[in-house]
N, C-alpha and C. Protein backbone atom coordinates (compact mmCIF):
# COMPACT_ATOMS: atom_id res chain seq x y z
N UNK A 1 0.82 -1.19 0.00
CA UNK A 1 0.00 0.00 0.00
C UNK A 1 0.87 1.26 0.00
N UNK A 2 1.92 1.24 0.86
CA UNK A 2 2.77 2.42 0.95
C UNK A 2 3.60 2.61 -0.31
N UNK A 3 4.00 1.52 -0.93
CA UNK A 3 4.79 1.63 -2.16
C UNK A 3 3.95 2.23 -3.28
N UNK A 4 2.71 1.81 -3.36
CA UNK A 4 1.82 2.38 -4.37
C UNK A 4 1.58 3.85 -4.09
N UNK A 5 1.39 4.20 -2.83
CA UNK A 5 1.18 5.61 -2.47
C UNK A 5 2.41 6.45 -2.81
N UNK A 6 3.60 5.92 -2.54
CA UNK A 6 4.81 6.66 -2.89
C UNK A 6 4.97 6.77 -4.40
N UNK A 7 4.61 5.72 -5.14
CA UNK A 7 4.70 5.79 -6.60
C UNK A 7 3.74 6.85 -7.14
N UNK A 8 2.54 6.92 -6.59
CA UNK A 8 1.59 7.94 -7.01
C UNK A 8 2.08 9.34 -6.65
N UNK A 9 2.71 9.47 -5.49
CA UNK A 9 3.22 10.78 -5.08
C UNK A 9 4.34 11.24 -6.01
N UNK A 10 5.26 10.35 -6.34
CA UNK A 10 6.32 10.72 -7.29
C UNK A 10 5.73 11.00 -8.67
N UNK A 11 4.72 10.25 -9.05
CA UNK A 11 4.03 10.52 -10.31
C UNK A 11 3.39 11.90 -10.33
N UNK A 12 2.84 12.31 -9.20
CA UNK A 12 2.24 13.65 -9.12
C UNK A 12 3.30 14.73 -9.25
N UNK A 13 4.46 14.51 -8.65
CA UNK A 13 5.54 15.49 -8.76
C UNK A 13 6.05 15.58 -10.19
N UNK A 14 6.17 14.44 -10.85
CA UNK A 14 6.63 14.44 -12.24
C UNK A 14 5.57 15.06 -13.14
N UNK A 15 4.30 14.75 -12.90
CA UNK A 15 3.23 15.29 -13.72
C UNK A 15 3.10 16.80 -13.58
N UNK A 16 3.49 17.33 -12.44
CA UNK A 16 3.42 18.79 -12.26
C UNK A 16 4.43 19.50 -13.14
N UNK A 17 5.43 18.79 -13.62
CA UNK A 17 6.48 19.41 -14.43
C UNK A 17 6.26 19.25 -15.93
N UNK A 18 5.36 18.37 -16.35
CA UNK A 18 5.16 18.16 -17.78
C UNK A 18 4.07 19.08 -18.30
N UNK A 19 4.07 19.33 -19.62
CA UNK A 19 3.08 20.26 -20.17
C UNK A 19 1.64 19.74 -20.13
N UNK A 20 0.88 20.05 -21.03
CA UNK A 20 -0.57 20.04 -21.14
C UNK A 20 -1.36 19.23 -20.11
N UNK A 21 -1.41 17.91 -20.13
CA UNK A 21 -2.31 17.26 -19.16
C UNK A 21 -1.70 17.13 -17.78
N UNK A 22 -0.47 17.61 -17.60
CA UNK A 22 0.26 17.40 -16.37
C UNK A 22 -0.40 17.99 -15.14
N UNK A 23 -0.99 19.17 -15.27
CA UNK A 23 -1.57 19.79 -14.08
C UNK A 23 -2.76 19.00 -13.57
N UNK A 24 -3.55 18.43 -14.46
CA UNK A 24 -4.70 17.65 -14.01
C UNK A 24 -4.25 16.30 -13.45
N UNK A 25 -3.23 15.72 -14.06
CA UNK A 25 -2.68 14.48 -13.52
C UNK A 25 -2.07 14.71 -12.15
N UNK A 26 -1.39 15.84 -11.97
CA UNK A 26 -0.79 16.15 -10.68
C UNK A 26 -1.86 16.28 -9.60
N UNK A 27 -2.97 16.89 -9.94
CA UNK A 27 -4.07 17.02 -8.97
C UNK A 27 -4.62 15.64 -8.60
N UNK A 28 -4.90 14.83 -9.60
CA UNK A 28 -5.48 13.51 -9.33
C UNK A 28 -4.53 12.56 -8.64
N UNK A 29 -3.29 12.50 -9.12
CA UNK A 29 -2.32 11.60 -8.50
C UNK A 29 -1.96 12.06 -7.09
N UNK A 30 -1.92 13.38 -6.89
CA UNK A 30 -1.64 13.89 -5.55
C UNK A 30 -2.72 13.52 -4.56
N UNK A 31 -3.97 13.66 -4.97
CA UNK A 31 -5.08 13.27 -4.08
C UNK A 31 -5.06 11.77 -3.80
N UNK A 32 -4.78 10.97 -4.82
CA UNK A 32 -4.72 9.52 -4.62
C UNK A 32 -3.58 9.15 -3.68
N UNK A 33 -2.43 9.82 -3.83
CA UNK A 33 -1.29 9.53 -2.96
C UNK A 33 -1.59 9.93 -1.51
N UNK A 34 -2.28 11.04 -1.33
CA UNK A 34 -2.65 11.47 0.02
C UNK A 34 -3.59 10.45 0.66
N UNK A 35 -4.58 10.00 -0.10
CA UNK A 35 -5.54 9.03 0.43
C UNK A 35 -4.89 7.70 0.78
N UNK A 36 -4.10 7.16 -0.15
CA UNK A 36 -3.44 5.87 0.12
C UNK A 36 -2.37 6.01 1.20
N UNK A 37 -1.69 7.14 1.23
CA UNK A 37 -0.70 7.35 2.29
C UNK A 37 -1.36 7.41 3.65
N UNK A 38 -2.53 8.03 3.71
CA UNK A 38 -3.26 8.11 4.98
C UNK A 38 -3.70 6.72 5.44
N UNK A 39 -4.18 5.92 4.50
CA UNK A 39 -4.58 4.55 4.85
C UNK A 39 -3.37 3.76 5.33
N UNK A 40 -2.23 3.91 4.65
CA UNK A 40 -1.02 3.20 5.06
C UNK A 40 -0.49 3.69 6.39
N UNK A 41 -0.61 4.96 6.65
CA UNK A 41 -0.11 5.51 7.91
C UNK A 41 -0.98 5.07 9.08
N UNK A 42 -2.26 4.91 8.87
CA UNK A 42 -3.19 4.57 9.94
C UNK A 42 -3.14 3.10 10.34
N UNK A 43 -2.44 2.26 9.60
CA UNK A 43 -2.34 0.83 9.94
C UNK A 43 -1.41 0.69 11.14
N UNK A 44 -1.99 0.46 12.29
CA UNK A 44 -1.17 0.36 13.50
C UNK A 44 -0.38 -0.95 13.56
N UNK A 45 -0.79 -1.93 12.77
CA UNK A 45 -0.06 -3.20 12.77
C UNK A 45 1.17 -3.16 11.86
N UNK A 46 1.30 -2.12 11.05
CA UNK A 46 2.43 -2.02 10.13
C UNK A 46 3.70 -1.63 10.88
N UNK A 47 4.82 -1.92 10.26
CA UNK A 47 6.10 -1.56 10.88
C UNK A 47 6.31 -0.04 10.83
N UNK A 48 7.27 0.41 11.58
CA UNK A 48 7.55 1.84 11.62
C UNK A 48 8.00 2.38 10.27
N UNK A 49 8.79 1.58 9.54
CA UNK A 49 9.26 2.00 8.24
C UNK A 49 8.11 2.14 7.25
N UNK A 50 7.14 1.22 7.32
CA UNK A 50 5.98 1.28 6.43
C UNK A 50 5.11 2.49 6.77
N UNK A 51 4.96 2.78 8.05
CA UNK A 51 4.18 3.96 8.44
C UNK A 51 4.88 5.24 8.02
N UNK A 52 6.21 5.24 8.09
CA UNK A 52 6.98 6.38 7.63
C UNK A 52 6.83 6.58 6.13
N UNK A 53 6.75 5.48 5.38
CA UNK A 53 6.48 5.56 3.95
C UNK A 53 5.12 6.17 3.65
N UNK A 54 4.12 5.83 4.47
CA UNK A 54 2.81 6.44 4.30
C UNK A 54 2.83 7.93 4.58
N UNK A 55 3.56 8.33 5.61
CA UNK A 55 3.67 9.75 5.92
C UNK A 55 4.41 10.50 4.82
N UNK A 56 5.44 9.87 4.27
CA UNK A 56 6.18 10.49 3.17
C UNK A 56 5.30 10.63 1.94
N UNK A 57 4.45 9.63 1.69
CA UNK A 57 3.54 9.70 0.55
C UNK A 57 2.53 10.82 0.74
N UNK A 58 2.06 11.02 1.95
CA UNK A 58 1.14 12.12 2.22
C UNK A 58 1.82 13.45 1.92
N UNK A 59 3.05 13.60 2.38
CA UNK A 59 3.78 14.85 2.20
C UNK A 59 4.08 15.11 0.72
N UNK A 60 4.61 14.12 0.03
CA UNK A 60 4.93 14.30 -1.38
C UNK A 60 3.68 14.45 -2.24
N UNK A 61 2.62 13.73 -1.88
CA UNK A 61 1.36 13.87 -2.60
C UNK A 61 0.77 15.26 -2.44
N UNK A 62 0.88 15.82 -1.23
CA UNK A 62 0.40 17.18 -1.01
C UNK A 62 1.22 18.19 -1.80
N UNK A 63 2.53 17.97 -1.87
CA UNK A 63 3.38 18.85 -2.65
C UNK A 63 3.02 18.79 -4.13
N UNK A 64 2.82 17.59 -4.67
CA UNK A 64 2.41 17.45 -6.06
C UNK A 64 1.05 18.07 -6.31
N UNK A 65 0.12 17.88 -5.39
CA UNK A 65 -1.21 18.49 -5.52
C UNK A 65 -1.11 20.01 -5.52
N UNK A 66 -0.32 20.57 -4.62
CA UNK A 66 -0.19 22.03 -4.55
C UNK A 66 0.49 22.60 -5.78
N UNK A 67 1.48 21.90 -6.31
CA UNK A 67 2.12 22.37 -7.54
C UNK A 67 1.14 22.32 -8.72
N UNK A 68 0.33 21.28 -8.79
CA UNK A 68 -0.69 21.22 -9.83
C UNK A 68 -1.73 22.31 -9.67
N UNK A 69 -2.15 22.57 -8.44
CA UNK A 69 -3.13 23.63 -8.19
C UNK A 69 -2.54 25.00 -8.52
N UNK A 70 -1.26 25.19 -8.24
CA UNK A 70 -0.60 26.44 -8.58
C UNK A 70 -0.58 26.65 -10.09
N UNK A 71 -0.34 25.58 -10.83
CA UNK A 71 -0.36 25.70 -12.30
C UNK A 71 -1.75 26.04 -12.81
N UNK A 72 -2.79 25.49 -12.19
CA UNK A 72 -4.16 25.83 -12.59
C UNK A 72 -4.43 27.30 -12.33
N UNK A 73 -4.03 27.79 -11.16
CA UNK A 73 -4.26 29.20 -10.81
C UNK A 73 -3.49 30.12 -11.76
N UNK A 74 -2.26 29.78 -12.06
CA UNK A 74 -1.47 30.60 -12.98
C UNK A 74 -2.06 30.59 -14.39
N UNK A 75 -2.58 29.45 -14.83
CA UNK A 75 -3.21 29.38 -16.14
C UNK A 75 -4.46 30.25 -16.19
N UNK A 76 -5.27 30.20 -15.14
CA UNK A 76 -6.46 31.04 -15.12
C UNK A 76 -6.11 32.52 -15.04
N UNK A 77 -5.06 32.87 -14.32
CA UNK A 77 -4.63 34.26 -14.26
C UNK A 77 -4.12 34.73 -15.62
N UNK A 78 -3.40 33.88 -16.33
CA UNK A 78 -2.91 34.25 -17.66
C UNK A 78 -4.06 34.42 -18.63
N UNK A 79 -5.06 33.56 -18.56
CA UNK A 79 -6.23 33.70 -19.44
C UNK A 79 -6.97 34.99 -19.13
N UNK A 80 -7.11 35.31 -17.86
CA UNK A 80 -7.75 36.59 -17.49
C UNK A 80 -6.97 37.79 -17.96
N UNK A 81 -5.65 37.73 -17.89
CA UNK A 81 -4.82 38.82 -18.35
C UNK A 81 -4.93 39.02 -19.85
N UNK A 82 -4.92 37.92 -20.60
CA UNK A 82 -5.07 38.01 -22.06
C UNK A 82 -6.45 38.53 -22.41
N UNK A 83 -7.45 38.14 -21.67
CA UNK A 83 -8.80 38.64 -21.92
C UNK A 83 -8.88 40.14 -21.71
N UNK A 84 -8.23 40.65 -20.66
CA UNK A 84 -8.22 42.11 -20.43
C UNK A 84 -7.42 42.84 -21.49
N UNK A 85 -6.35 42.22 -22.00
CA UNK A 85 -5.54 42.87 -23.03
C UNK A 85 -6.31 43.00 -24.35
N UNK A 86 -7.08 41.99 -24.68
CA UNK A 86 -7.79 42.00 -25.95
C UNK A 86 -9.09 42.80 -25.90
N UNK A 87 -9.53 43.10 -24.71
CA UNK A 87 -10.73 43.93 -24.58
C UNK A 87 -11.94 43.16 -24.55
């Protein structure tokens, strides 16, 4: 579970850096990594290293999600600016 969450978190970070569909993938993969990381972290029967992996997935997934959200905000701001320039 934690390995999948970490893979999704790294995928979200990579997707935040690629062009066109990357921002939407970063949002989706980041949310999935946060959810799976939370499930992995909450398993009290798991080892400490596995729980640490879940916490890392939550952190990296949140970072990927925030980078994707920042790209969405910047895109909307650019569209608004172009709209004001063209009248």
